[in-house]
Protein backbone atom coordinates (compact mmCIF):
# COMPACT_ATOMS: atom_id res chain seq x y z
CA MET A 1 -12.99 39.36 96.57
CA ILE A 2 -16.14 37.67 95.29
CA ARG A 3 -18.55 36.88 98.12
CA THR A 4 -21.85 36.46 96.26
CA ILE A 5 -22.56 35.30 92.72
CA ILE A 6 -25.94 36.50 91.47
CA VAL A 7 -27.64 34.72 88.58
CA PRO A 8 -30.74 36.51 87.25
CA THR A 9 -33.31 34.14 85.78
CA ASP A 10 -36.64 34.44 84.03
CA GLY A 11 -37.54 30.78 84.46
CA SER A 12 -36.39 29.78 80.98
CA GLU A 13 -33.84 27.14 79.91
CA PHE A 14 -32.15 29.96 78.04
CA ALA A 15 -31.37 31.76 81.31
CA GLU A 16 -29.85 28.61 82.79
CA HIS A 17 -26.83 28.80 80.49
CA ALA A 18 -25.29 31.24 82.99
CA LEU A 19 -25.40 28.60 85.71
CA PRO A 20 -22.49 26.24 84.87
CA LEU A 21 -19.95 29.09 85.02
CA ALA A 22 -21.62 30.61 88.09
CA ILE A 23 -21.72 27.26 89.92
CA ALA A 24 -18.09 26.44 89.13
CA THR A 25 -16.93 29.90 90.19
CA ALA A 26 -18.90 29.68 93.43
CA ARG A 27 -17.27 26.33 94.14
CA ARG A 28 -13.78 27.70 93.47
CA THR A 29 -14.20 30.93 95.42
CA GLY A 30 -16.44 29.73 98.25
CA ALA A 31 -18.88 32.49 97.30
CA ARG A 32 -22.59 32.27 98.02
CA LEU A 33 -24.66 31.46 94.93
CA GLU A 34 -27.98 33.27 94.56
CA LEU A 35 -30.75 32.82 92.00
CA VAL A 36 -32.82 35.96 91.53
CA ARG A 37 -36.08 36.34 89.69
CA VAL A 38 -38.23 39.44 89.57
CA HIS A 39 -42.00 39.48 89.88
CA GLU A 40 -43.34 42.44 87.94
CA PRO A 41 -46.64 44.08 88.87
CA PRO A 42 -49.49 43.11 86.55
CA PRO A 43 -50.30 45.56 83.77
CA PRO A 44 -53.39 47.71 84.17
CA PRO A 45 -56.47 46.89 82.09
CA ILE A 46 -56.08 47.80 78.43
CA SER A 47 -59.08 50.10 78.69
CA PRO A 48 -60.26 52.06 81.74
CA ASP A 49 -63.73 50.80 80.85
CA VAL A 50 -62.74 47.20 81.54
CA LEU A 51 -64.09 46.14 84.91
CA LEU A 52 -62.60 43.17 86.69
CA PRO A 53 -64.81 41.36 89.18
CA GLY A 54 -63.84 41.79 92.83
CA ASP A 55 -60.20 41.02 93.51
CA ALA A 56 -59.63 39.18 90.22
CA LEU A 57 -56.52 41.20 89.35
CA GLN A 58 -54.99 40.54 92.77
CA ARG A 59 -55.77 36.82 92.57
CA TRP A 60 -54.22 36.67 89.11
CA ASP A 61 -51.10 38.46 90.40
CA ASP A 62 -50.86 36.12 93.41
CA ALA A 63 -51.13 33.06 91.16
CA ILE A 64 -48.29 34.31 88.93
CA ARG A 65 -46.12 35.09 91.97
CA ASP A 66 -46.74 31.60 93.39
CA SER A 67 -45.80 30.03 90.05
CA GLU A 68 -42.58 32.05 89.88
CA ARG A 69 -41.70 31.14 93.46
CA GLU A 70 -42.27 27.44 92.69
CA SER A 71 -40.10 27.73 89.55
CA LEU A 72 -37.27 29.20 91.65
CA ARG A 73 -37.62 26.44 94.23
CA ALA A 74 -37.45 23.76 91.54
CA LEU A 75 -34.37 25.36 89.96
CA ARG A 76 -32.64 25.57 93.32
CA GLU A 77 -33.26 21.87 93.90
CA ARG A 78 -31.97 20.99 90.44
CA VAL A 79 -28.77 22.97 91.03
CA GLU A 80 -28.25 21.26 94.38
CA ALA A 81 -28.85 17.81 92.92
CA ALA A 82 -26.56 18.39 89.93
CA ALA A 83 -23.74 20.37 91.51
CA GLY A 84 -23.90 19.77 95.26
CA ILE A 85 -24.32 23.48 95.95
CA ARG A 86 -27.54 24.78 97.47
CA PRO A 87 -28.09 28.31 96.20
CA ASP A 88 -30.20 30.93 97.85
CA ALA A 89 -33.29 31.95 95.90
CA LEU A 90 -34.92 35.37 95.90
CA LEU A 91 -38.11 36.54 94.26
CA ALA A 92 -37.74 40.31 94.08
CA GLU A 93 -40.57 42.72 93.29
CA GLY A 94 -40.77 45.59 90.81
CA MET A 95 -39.70 46.36 87.26
CA VAL A 96 -37.09 43.80 86.26
CA GLN A 97 -33.99 45.84 85.51
CA GLU A 98 -34.54 48.35 88.32
CA ALA A 99 -35.25 45.63 90.89
CA LEU A 100 -32.16 43.65 89.88
CA ALA A 101 -29.97 46.74 89.93
CA ARG A 102 -31.17 47.66 93.43
CA HIS A 103 -30.54 44.17 94.73
CA ILE A 104 -27.08 44.00 93.17
CA ALA A 105 -26.20 47.40 94.65
CA ASP A 106 -27.28 46.17 98.09
CA THR A 107 -25.11 43.02 97.84
CA PRO A 108 -21.46 43.63 98.78
CA ASP A 109 -18.71 42.06 96.67
CA ALA A 110 -21.14 40.64 94.13
CA LEU A 111 -20.43 39.12 90.74
CA VAL A 112 -23.34 38.90 88.29
CA VAL A 113 -23.48 36.06 85.75
CA ILE A 114 -26.27 36.38 83.20
CA SER A 115 -27.25 34.89 79.86
CA SER A 116 -27.71 37.23 76.94
CA HIS A 117 -29.01 36.74 73.44
CA GLY A 118 -26.04 38.32 71.66
CA ARG A 119 -27.97 38.95 68.45
CA GLY A 120 -31.32 37.90 67.05
CA GLY A 121 -34.32 36.09 68.40
CA LEU A 122 -37.38 37.85 69.81
CA ALA A 123 -37.85 35.10 72.38
CA ARG A 124 -34.47 36.03 73.80
CA ALA A 125 -34.88 39.81 73.72
CA TRP A 126 -36.13 40.14 77.30
CA LEU A 127 -33.09 38.67 79.05
CA GLY A 128 -30.75 40.25 76.53
CA SER A 129 -32.09 43.72 77.23
CA VAL A 130 -31.77 43.13 80.97
CA ALA A 131 -28.13 42.11 80.53
CA ASP A 132 -27.52 45.26 78.48
CA GLY A 133 -29.09 47.41 81.15
CA LEU A 134 -27.15 45.85 84.02
CA VAL A 135 -23.82 46.25 82.22
CA ARG A 136 -24.60 49.94 81.81
CA SER A 137 -25.89 50.62 85.31
CA VAL A 138 -24.38 48.48 88.08
CA ARG A 139 -21.02 48.77 89.75
CA ALA A 140 -20.58 45.03 90.24
CA PRO A 141 -18.70 43.12 87.53
CA VAL A 142 -21.01 41.31 85.11
CA ILE A 143 -20.20 38.19 83.13
CA VAL A 144 -22.40 37.89 80.06
CA VAL A 145 -22.76 34.33 78.75
CA ARG A 146 -24.00 33.54 75.27
CA PRO A 147 -26.17 30.40 75.39
CA ARG A 148 -25.73 27.46 73.07
CA GLU A 149 -28.54 25.56 71.43
CA GLU A 150 -28.36 22.54 73.73
CA VAL A 151 -29.76 22.51 77.26
CA ALA A 152 -27.30 23.76 79.87
CA ALA A 153 -25.55 20.94 81.75
CA LEU A 154 -25.54 22.03 85.39
CA ASP A 155 -23.18 19.22 86.42
CA VAL A 156 -20.46 20.03 83.84
CA GLU A 157 -17.76 22.57 84.68
CA PRO A 158 -16.98 24.84 81.73
CA PRO A 159 -13.33 25.55 80.91
CA LEU A 160 -11.71 28.75 82.09
CA ARG A 161 -8.02 28.20 81.48
CA ARG A 162 -7.19 31.28 79.45
CA MET A 163 -8.44 34.85 79.82
CA VAL A 164 -7.87 37.81 77.51
CA VAL A 165 -8.03 41.18 79.29
CA THR A 166 -8.17 44.18 76.97
CA LEU A 167 -6.65 47.49 78.01
CA ASP A 168 -6.03 50.78 76.24
CA GLY A 169 -3.56 52.48 78.58
CA SER A 170 -6.21 54.41 80.50
CA ALA A 171 -7.20 54.28 84.15
CA THR A 172 -10.77 53.80 82.94
CA ALA A 173 -9.94 50.53 81.16
CA GLU A 174 -7.98 49.34 84.21
CA ARG A 175 -11.19 49.25 86.27
CA VAL A 176 -11.61 45.68 85.01
CA LEU A 177 -8.38 44.49 86.61
CA ASP A 178 -9.58 43.67 90.13
CA ALA A 179 -12.40 41.43 88.95
CA ALA A 180 -10.24 39.82 86.26
CA VAL A 181 -7.46 39.03 88.74
CA ASP A 182 -9.96 37.58 91.24
CA LEU A 183 -11.28 35.21 88.57
CA ALA A 184 -7.81 34.31 87.29
CA LEU A 185 -6.70 33.37 90.79
CA ALA A 186 -9.84 31.35 91.47
CA TRP A 187 -9.57 29.44 88.21
CA LYS A 188 -5.74 29.38 88.00
CA ALA A 189 -6.18 30.83 84.53
CA LYS A 190 -3.46 32.31 82.35
CA VAL A 191 -4.08 35.96 81.48
CA THR A 192 -3.11 37.71 78.28
CA PHE A 193 -3.21 41.50 78.45
CA LEU A 194 -4.13 42.71 74.98
CA LEU A 195 -3.79 46.25 73.66
CA VAL A 196 -4.96 47.19 70.17
CA LEU A 197 -3.16 50.12 68.58
CA PHE A 198 -5.38 51.89 66.08
CA PRO A 199 -3.50 55.01 64.89
CA LEU A 200 -5.91 57.49 63.36
CA TRP A 201 -4.03 57.54 60.07
CA LEU A 202 -4.87 53.89 59.46
CA SER A 203 -7.84 53.63 57.13
CA ASP A 204 -8.27 49.87 56.98
CA ARG A 205 -6.94 46.53 58.22
CA LYS A 206 -4.65 46.02 55.20
CA GLU A 207 -2.90 49.31 55.85
CA ALA A 208 -2.61 48.45 59.55
CA ALA A 209 -0.88 45.17 58.71
CA GLU A 210 1.53 46.89 56.34
CA LEU A 211 2.52 49.55 58.89
CA ALA A 212 2.57 47.39 62.01
CA GLY A 213 6.34 46.88 61.89
CA THR A 214 7.41 50.29 60.59
CA SER A 215 9.03 53.13 62.47
CA ARG A 216 5.82 55.11 62.13
CA VAL A 217 4.27 53.06 64.91
CA ALA A 218 7.46 51.87 66.62
CA ALA A 219 7.48 54.54 69.32
CA VAL A 220 3.81 54.05 70.12
CA ARG A 221 4.27 50.31 70.22
CA GLU A 222 7.25 50.58 72.57
CA ALA A 223 5.25 52.75 74.96
CA ALA A 224 2.38 50.25 74.85
CA GLU A 225 4.73 47.36 75.58
CA ASN A 226 6.21 49.18 78.56
CA TYR A 227 2.74 49.91 79.88
CA LEU A 228 1.47 46.34 79.50
CA SER A 229 4.66 44.92 80.97
CA GLY A 230 4.11 46.99 84.09
CA VAL A 231 0.53 45.77 84.43
CA ALA A 232 1.57 42.14 83.89
CA GLU A 233 4.34 42.42 86.48
CA ASP A 234 1.89 43.76 89.06
CA VAL A 235 -0.50 40.82 88.67
CA ARG A 236 2.34 38.29 88.63
CA ARG A 237 3.17 39.44 92.15
CA ASN A 238 -0.33 38.25 93.11
CA GLY A 239 0.34 34.81 91.67
CA VAL A 240 -1.29 35.22 88.24
CA GLU A 241 0.44 33.85 85.15
CA ALA A 242 0.40 36.72 82.67
CA GLU A 243 1.69 37.66 79.23
CA ILE A 244 1.21 40.64 76.92
CA GLU A 245 0.23 41.06 73.29
CA ILE A 246 -0.06 44.13 71.06
CA VAL A 247 -2.02 44.21 67.81
CA VAL A 248 -2.12 47.05 65.28
CA ASP A 249 -5.53 47.25 63.65
CA ALA A 250 -7.94 49.86 62.36
CA ASN A 251 -10.90 48.03 63.94
CA PRO A 252 -10.29 47.42 67.67
CA ALA A 253 -13.44 45.39 68.38
CA SER A 254 -12.89 43.07 65.45
CA ALA A 255 -9.21 42.69 66.37
CA ILE A 256 -10.09 41.74 69.97
CA LEU A 257 -12.61 39.12 68.84
CA LYS A 258 -10.22 37.68 66.27
CA PHE A 259 -7.38 37.46 68.79
CA ALA A 260 -9.59 35.84 71.42
CA GLU A 261 -10.85 33.18 69.04
CA GLU A 262 -7.45 32.44 67.51
CA HIS A 263 -5.92 32.06 70.98
CA HIS A 264 -8.81 29.94 72.30
CA ALA A 265 -9.77 32.35 75.08
CA ASP A 266 -12.33 31.00 77.52
CA LEU A 267 -13.19 34.48 78.81
CA LEU A 268 -12.81 38.03 77.53
CA ALA A 269 -12.59 40.90 80.02
CA LEU A 270 -12.87 44.65 79.48
CA ALA A 271 -14.28 47.81 80.98
CA THR A 272 -17.08 49.88 79.53
CA HIS A 273 -17.78 53.54 80.12
CA GLY A 274 -21.36 53.20 81.31
CA ARG A 275 -22.76 56.46 80.01
CA GLY A 276 -21.81 59.96 78.86
CA GLY A 277 -18.62 61.70 77.83
CA ALA A 278 -17.13 62.00 74.36
CA ALA A 279 -13.78 60.73 75.65
CA ARG A 280 -15.50 57.48 76.62
CA VAL A 281 -17.14 56.76 73.27
CA TYR A 282 -14.32 54.50 72.08
CA LEU A 283 -14.31 52.32 75.17
CA GLY A 284 -18.08 52.01 75.24
CA SER A 285 -18.56 51.23 71.56
CA VAL A 286 -15.77 48.67 71.50
CA ALA A 287 -17.11 46.97 74.63
CA ASP A 288 -20.61 46.76 73.15
CA LYS A 289 -19.34 45.25 69.89
CA VAL A 290 -17.13 42.76 71.71
CA ARG A 291 -19.93 41.67 74.04
CA ARG A 292 -22.37 41.15 71.17
CA GLY A 293 -19.87 39.36 68.94
CA ALA A 294 -17.99 37.15 71.39
CA PRO A 295 -18.85 33.44 71.43
CA MET A 296 -17.17 33.07 74.82
CA PRO A 297 -18.30 34.68 78.13
CA VAL A 298 -17.40 38.36 78.52
CA LEU A 299 -16.56 39.95 81.87
CA MET A 300 -17.49 43.63 81.91
CA VAL A 301 -17.02 46.35 84.51
CA ASN A 302 -18.82 49.67 84.32
CA ALA A 303 -15.88 52.02 84.82
CA ALA A 304 -18.04 55.05 85.51
CA ALA A 305 -19.97 53.32 88.30
CA GLU A 306 -16.79 51.83 89.74
CA ALA A 307 -15.02 55.20 89.74
CA ALA A 308 -18.00 56.90 91.39
CA ALA A 309 -18.09 54.27 94.13
CA ALA A 310 -14.34 54.58 94.71
CA ALA A 311 -14.64 58.36 94.96
CA GLY A 312 -17.46 57.98 97.47
CA LYS A 313 -15.33 55.74 99.65
CA ALA A 314 -12.41 58.15 99.46
CA GLY A 315 -14.68 61.03 100.47
């Protein structure tokens, strides 16, 4: 269950592109909406020989903090005026990624919605790197939104009618299911469970297409269909409309992106490994490529962090 939706912001219009989805999801779930900005400590003087008069550094730091607090207040008022929801606003202290991760960890049942640059643009590198770091470090599900060129319309609800949830047959990949089902129920979205078969003997996409219907992959495909059918049946019991699709392709990330675009997905969902472990390289590399290449929002769950938290509860 989603109880709090956290939207990190750096005060830029770019960061606000996460807000329409966050606002609409808060409205549909009844979750608390929270805007979070981090005030970083000022850098030390470039040279130890530089002397600042009196408390100049502290006064400079206080002025920046006041400006950031005022920016948060103004954004909160704009959200309330546009959407009728009054979010909470928090100015945290510390290094950005670490402070956000601590706050997210201390917030039960949180969903993070954050803008990310996807690719290119030095002006967008800061928030993009923060999104990367949160995906790799926090247990909470993270939705990464790629901004468009126009200014975000806070009073317009984005579409979320169709979700594509990618699985690979592993318990690790299934860590995304709880968050995906919560969103599907809130939005009344149709879910397609997608599994990409990429047999190691396939060298390229042309060969994958030629062999997709042959007996060489028939047994593997049948097992995949049985697996996905079981997953779909489980979520249907919870009231989610679900279907399954299997694609044979030598490039899983590219196949996922192509399928999502061709089927007009409004949201992609998948787990990532977080860090470490040769067995997790596939899941992590595919997730990274999908997140960077997807034009639609991507829901990601750090499977390693989620598994560690579940083990802690069990213990």
